[in-house]
Structure formats: structure tokens, C-alpha cells
N, C-alpha and C. Protein backbone atom coordinates (compact mmCIF):
# COMPACT_ATOMS: atom_id res chain seq x y z
N MET A 1 9.94 -1.71 -0.92
CA MET A 1 8.53 -1.97 -0.66
C MET A 1 8.11 -1.10 0.52
N PRO A 2 7.16 -0.21 0.32
CA PRO A 2 6.76 0.67 1.42
C PRO A 2 6.04 -0.09 2.53
N GLY A 3 6.31 0.28 3.75
CA GLY A 3 5.60 -0.25 4.91
C GLY A 3 5.61 -1.76 5.02
N TRP A 4 6.72 -2.42 4.66
CA TRP A 4 6.76 -3.88 4.68
C TRP A 4 7.36 -4.37 5.98
N TYR A 5 6.50 -4.76 6.92
CA TYR A 5 6.96 -5.34 8.16
C TYR A 5 5.95 -6.36 8.65
N ALA A 6 6.32 -7.14 9.64
CA ALA A 6 5.55 -8.30 10.07
C ALA A 6 4.08 -7.99 10.36
N HIS A 7 3.21 -8.82 9.84
CA HIS A 7 1.77 -8.83 10.13
C HIS A 7 1.03 -7.58 9.68
N VAL A 8 1.64 -6.78 8.81
CA VAL A 8 0.98 -5.58 8.30
C VAL A 8 1.08 -5.61 6.78
N ALA A 9 -0.03 -5.34 6.11
CA ALA A 9 -0.01 -5.29 4.65
C ALA A 9 0.90 -4.14 4.19
N PRO A 10 1.70 -4.36 3.16
CA PRO A 10 2.50 -3.25 2.62
C PRO A 10 1.57 -2.09 2.25
N HIS A 11 1.95 -0.90 2.63
CA HIS A 11 1.07 0.25 2.43
C HIS A 11 1.88 1.53 2.28
N VAL A 12 1.20 2.57 1.83
CA VAL A 12 1.80 3.89 1.70
C VAL A 12 0.98 4.84 2.57
N HIS A 13 1.65 5.61 3.42
CA HIS A 13 0.94 6.61 4.23
C HIS A 13 0.66 7.85 3.40
N VAL A 14 -0.51 8.41 3.62
CA VAL A 14 -0.91 9.64 2.96
C VAL A 14 -1.31 10.62 4.05
N THR A 15 -0.74 11.81 4.01
CA THR A 15 -1.04 12.84 5.00
C THR A 15 -1.47 14.11 4.28
N ALA A 16 -2.55 14.71 4.75
CA ALA A 16 -3.03 15.98 4.19
C ALA A 16 -3.03 17.03 5.28
N HIS A 17 -2.71 18.26 4.91
CA HIS A 17 -2.70 19.40 5.82
C HIS A 17 -3.64 20.46 5.26
N PRO A 18 -4.95 20.35 5.55
CA PRO A 18 -5.90 21.31 4.98
C PRO A 18 -5.72 22.74 5.48
N ASP A 19 -5.08 22.88 6.63
CA ASP A 19 -4.72 24.21 7.13
C ASP A 19 -3.51 24.06 8.04
N ALA A 20 -3.05 25.16 8.58
CA ALA A 20 -1.82 25.16 9.37
C ALA A 20 -1.93 24.40 10.70
N HIS A 21 -3.15 24.10 11.14
CA HIS A 21 -3.35 23.48 12.46
C HIS A 21 -3.97 22.08 12.39
N THR A 22 -4.20 21.57 11.19
CA THR A 22 -4.91 20.30 11.05
C THR A 22 -4.11 19.33 10.19
N GLU A 23 -4.13 18.07 10.61
CA GLU A 23 -3.49 17.02 9.83
C GLU A 23 -4.44 15.83 9.78
N ALA A 24 -4.59 15.26 8.61
CA ALA A 24 -5.38 14.04 8.44
C ALA A 24 -4.48 13.01 7.77
N ALA A 25 -4.52 11.78 8.27
CA ALA A 25 -3.64 10.75 7.72
C ALA A 25 -4.44 9.47 7.46
N THR A 26 -4.00 8.73 6.47
CA THR A 26 -4.56 7.42 6.16
C THR A 26 -3.47 6.59 5.50
N GLN A 27 -3.83 5.43 5.04
CA GLN A 27 -2.89 4.62 4.29
C GLN A 27 -3.61 3.99 3.12
N VAL A 28 -2.87 3.74 2.05
CA VAL A 28 -3.42 3.07 0.87
C VAL A 28 -2.61 1.81 0.63
N PHE A 29 -3.27 0.85 0.00
CA PHE A 29 -2.69 -0.47 -0.22
C PHE A 29 -2.42 -0.70 -1.69
N LEU A 30 -1.64 -1.74 -1.97
CA LEU A 30 -1.32 -2.15 -3.33
C LEU A 30 -1.96 -3.51 -3.59
N PRO A 31 -2.35 -3.79 -4.84
CA PRO A 31 -2.96 -5.09 -5.14
C PRO A 31 -2.01 -6.25 -4.84
N GLU A 32 -2.56 -7.36 -4.33
CA GLU A 32 -1.72 -8.50 -3.96
C GLU A 32 -0.91 -9.05 -5.12
N GLU A 33 -1.46 -9.10 -6.32
CA GLU A 33 -0.71 -9.64 -7.45
C GLU A 33 0.55 -8.81 -7.70
N LEU A 34 0.44 -7.49 -7.63
CA LEU A 34 1.61 -6.63 -7.79
C LEU A 34 2.60 -6.85 -6.65
N LEU A 35 2.09 -6.96 -5.43
CA LEU A 35 2.98 -7.22 -4.28
C LEU A 35 3.75 -8.51 -4.46
N ARG A 36 3.07 -9.57 -4.90
CA ARG A 36 3.75 -10.85 -5.09
C ARG A 36 4.84 -10.74 -6.15
N GLN A 37 4.59 -9.98 -7.22
CA GLN A 37 5.60 -9.78 -8.26
C GLN A 37 6.83 -9.07 -7.67
N VAL A 38 6.60 -8.04 -6.90
CA VAL A 38 7.71 -7.28 -6.31
C VAL A 38 8.47 -8.13 -5.29
N LEU A 39 7.75 -8.85 -4.46
CA LEU A 39 8.38 -9.64 -3.40
C LEU A 39 9.21 -10.81 -3.93
N ARG A 40 9.01 -11.20 -5.20
CA ARG A 40 9.83 -12.25 -5.82
C ARG A 40 11.16 -11.70 -6.31
N ARG A 41 11.33 -10.39 -6.32
CA ARG A 41 12.54 -9.77 -6.86
C ARG A 41 13.50 -9.40 -5.72
N ASP A 42 14.78 -9.30 -6.09
CA ASP A 42 15.81 -8.86 -5.16
C ASP A 42 15.61 -7.37 -4.86
N PRO A 43 15.74 -6.89 -3.66
CA PRO A 43 16.24 -7.54 -2.46
C PRO A 43 15.16 -8.23 -1.64
N TYR A 44 13.89 -8.07 -2.01
CA TYR A 44 12.80 -8.61 -1.20
C TYR A 44 12.80 -10.13 -1.16
N SER A 45 13.27 -10.77 -2.23
CA SER A 45 13.27 -12.23 -2.29
C SER A 45 14.22 -12.85 -1.25
N ARG A 46 15.09 -12.06 -0.65
CA ARG A 46 16.00 -12.56 0.40
C ARG A 46 15.25 -12.85 1.70
N ARG A 47 14.06 -12.31 1.82
CA ARG A 47 13.25 -12.47 3.03
C ARG A 47 12.00 -13.27 2.66
N ARG A 48 11.59 -14.16 3.51
CA ARG A 48 10.40 -14.97 3.24
C ARG A 48 9.16 -14.07 3.22
N ALA A 49 8.47 -14.08 2.10
CA ALA A 49 7.28 -13.24 1.94
C ALA A 49 6.03 -14.05 2.27
N PRO A 50 5.01 -13.41 2.81
CA PRO A 50 3.76 -14.12 3.08
C PRO A 50 3.05 -14.47 1.77
N ALA A 51 2.29 -15.55 1.77
CA ALA A 51 1.55 -15.95 0.57
C ALA A 51 0.49 -14.91 0.20
N HIS A 52 -0.11 -14.30 1.20
CA HIS A 52 -1.15 -13.28 0.98
C HIS A 52 -0.80 -12.04 1.80
N PRO A 53 0.02 -11.16 1.25
CA PRO A 53 0.52 -10.03 2.03
C PRO A 53 -0.55 -9.04 2.49
N ASP A 54 -1.67 -8.92 1.77
CA ASP A 54 -2.69 -7.96 2.19
C ASP A 54 -3.67 -8.55 3.20
N THR A 55 -4.16 -9.72 2.94
CA THR A 55 -5.29 -10.24 3.71
C THR A 55 -4.96 -10.63 5.15
N ARG A 56 -3.69 -10.61 5.53
CA ARG A 56 -3.33 -10.94 6.92
C ARG A 56 -3.43 -9.72 7.84
N ASP A 57 -3.78 -8.56 7.29
CA ASP A 57 -3.78 -7.29 8.03
C ASP A 57 -5.22 -6.88 8.37
N ASP A 58 -5.51 -6.61 9.65
CA ASP A 58 -6.87 -6.23 10.03
C ASP A 58 -7.29 -4.87 9.46
N ARG A 59 -6.33 -3.97 9.24
CA ARG A 59 -6.67 -2.68 8.63
C ARG A 59 -7.09 -2.87 7.17
N PHE A 60 -6.38 -3.77 6.49
CA PHE A 60 -6.77 -4.08 5.12
C PHE A 60 -8.15 -4.74 5.11
N ALA A 61 -8.39 -5.65 6.03
CA ALA A 61 -9.69 -6.33 6.10
C ALA A 61 -10.82 -5.33 6.28
N ALA A 62 -10.58 -4.28 7.05
CA ALA A 62 -11.62 -3.29 7.33
C ALA A 62 -11.89 -2.35 6.16
N LYS A 63 -10.85 -1.88 5.48
CA LYS A 63 -11.01 -0.85 4.45
C LYS A 63 -10.27 -1.13 3.16
N GLY A 64 -9.62 -2.27 3.05
CA GLY A 64 -8.76 -2.54 1.91
C GLY A 64 -9.42 -2.40 0.55
N ALA A 65 -10.65 -2.87 0.43
CA ALA A 65 -11.32 -2.80 -0.86
C ALA A 65 -11.49 -1.35 -1.32
N LEU A 66 -11.69 -0.45 -0.38
CA LEU A 66 -11.87 0.97 -0.70
C LEU A 66 -10.55 1.71 -0.86
N MET A 67 -9.50 1.18 -0.25
CA MET A 67 -8.24 1.91 -0.17
C MET A 67 -7.10 1.27 -0.97
N THR A 68 -7.42 0.38 -1.90
CA THR A 68 -6.38 -0.25 -2.71
C THR A 68 -6.21 0.53 -4.01
N LEU A 69 -4.99 0.92 -4.28
CA LEU A 69 -4.68 1.65 -5.50
C LEU A 69 -4.80 0.72 -6.71
N GLY A 70 -4.92 1.31 -7.88
CA GLY A 70 -4.96 0.57 -9.13
C GLY A 70 -3.78 0.95 -10.00
N PRO A 71 -2.57 0.51 -9.65
CA PRO A 71 -1.38 0.90 -10.40
C PRO A 71 -1.42 0.40 -11.85
N VAL A 72 -0.81 1.18 -12.72
CA VAL A 72 -0.63 0.79 -14.12
C VAL A 72 0.85 0.87 -14.44
N ALA A 73 1.27 0.04 -15.38
CA ALA A 73 2.68 0.04 -15.79
C ALA A 73 3.05 1.41 -16.32
N TYR A 74 4.26 1.87 -15.94
CA TYR A 74 4.74 3.18 -16.34
C TYR A 74 6.26 3.12 -16.40
N GLY A 75 6.82 3.09 -17.60
CA GLY A 75 8.27 2.96 -17.73
C GLY A 75 8.73 1.66 -17.10
N ALA A 76 9.72 1.74 -16.23
CA ALA A 76 10.25 0.56 -15.56
C ALA A 76 9.49 0.23 -14.28
N GLY A 77 8.45 1.00 -13.95
CA GLY A 77 7.72 0.77 -12.71
C GLY A 77 6.22 0.87 -12.92
N HIS A 78 5.55 1.44 -11.95
CA HIS A 78 4.11 1.62 -11.97
C HIS A 78 3.77 3.00 -11.45
N ARG A 79 2.56 3.45 -11.74
CA ARG A 79 2.07 4.67 -11.12
C ARG A 79 0.58 4.49 -10.85
N ALA A 80 0.08 5.28 -9.90
CA ALA A 80 -1.32 5.21 -9.52
C ALA A 80 -1.75 6.59 -9.03
N ALA A 81 -3.02 6.84 -9.12
CA ALA A 81 -3.59 8.09 -8.62
C ALA A 81 -4.79 7.77 -7.74
N SER A 82 -5.04 8.63 -6.79
CA SER A 82 -6.18 8.44 -5.88
C SER A 82 -6.66 9.80 -5.41
N THR A 83 -7.94 9.91 -5.21
CA THR A 83 -8.51 11.13 -4.64
C THR A 83 -8.88 10.84 -3.19
N VAL A 84 -8.41 11.66 -2.28
CA VAL A 84 -8.68 11.49 -0.85
C VAL A 84 -9.43 12.71 -0.37
N GLY A 85 -10.60 12.48 0.20
CA GLY A 85 -11.38 13.59 0.74
C GLY A 85 -11.03 13.84 2.20
N VAL A 86 -11.00 15.08 2.59
CA VAL A 86 -10.73 15.45 3.97
C VAL A 86 -11.91 16.31 4.44
N GLU A 87 -12.53 15.91 5.53
CA GLU A 87 -13.65 16.68 6.07
C GLU A 87 -13.20 17.53 7.23
């Protein structure tokens, strides 16, 4: 589970390098239903998971609706795509 630690919604960091001297970074989130499915499986089930892994995070509260991926089933896992603009 990416970025799974206390009081922070599980997330994936995204970094863009539009040129050799600039870096822009953000994070994207996963839907809570998918997170709950994953957290019920080993090895994550060995650790007590929060009932609502996304909504306890202030970053998710601020931008979560805009930054949550829409994964679809793909083989044995999931995949998702997102477009990130860099100004």
C-alpha cells in the first residue's frame, strides 16, 4: 500500500520535471472502497486499519475529490490514469 502511515491517507506521489531546473510534485489518492479491500488482505490485515483511511487526512479533505484516481480492474490488480497539468 503506497504511503500508508499514521494519520495520512494512502497516496501516491507524482513528480514532474518540465525542464532541467524545475520540479513539481503532488499526490493522488485511491478510493476508500478499494483501500478497504486492500487493507483486509495480508500483509495489511496484520495491522489495524482505520475505518475511513482517506477522510482522516487534511490534505485529502482539501483536494481529495479532485485528486482521487478512478482505478479499474486489470488482470490481478488495478490500473488508473490521470492527467496532471504543470504551470
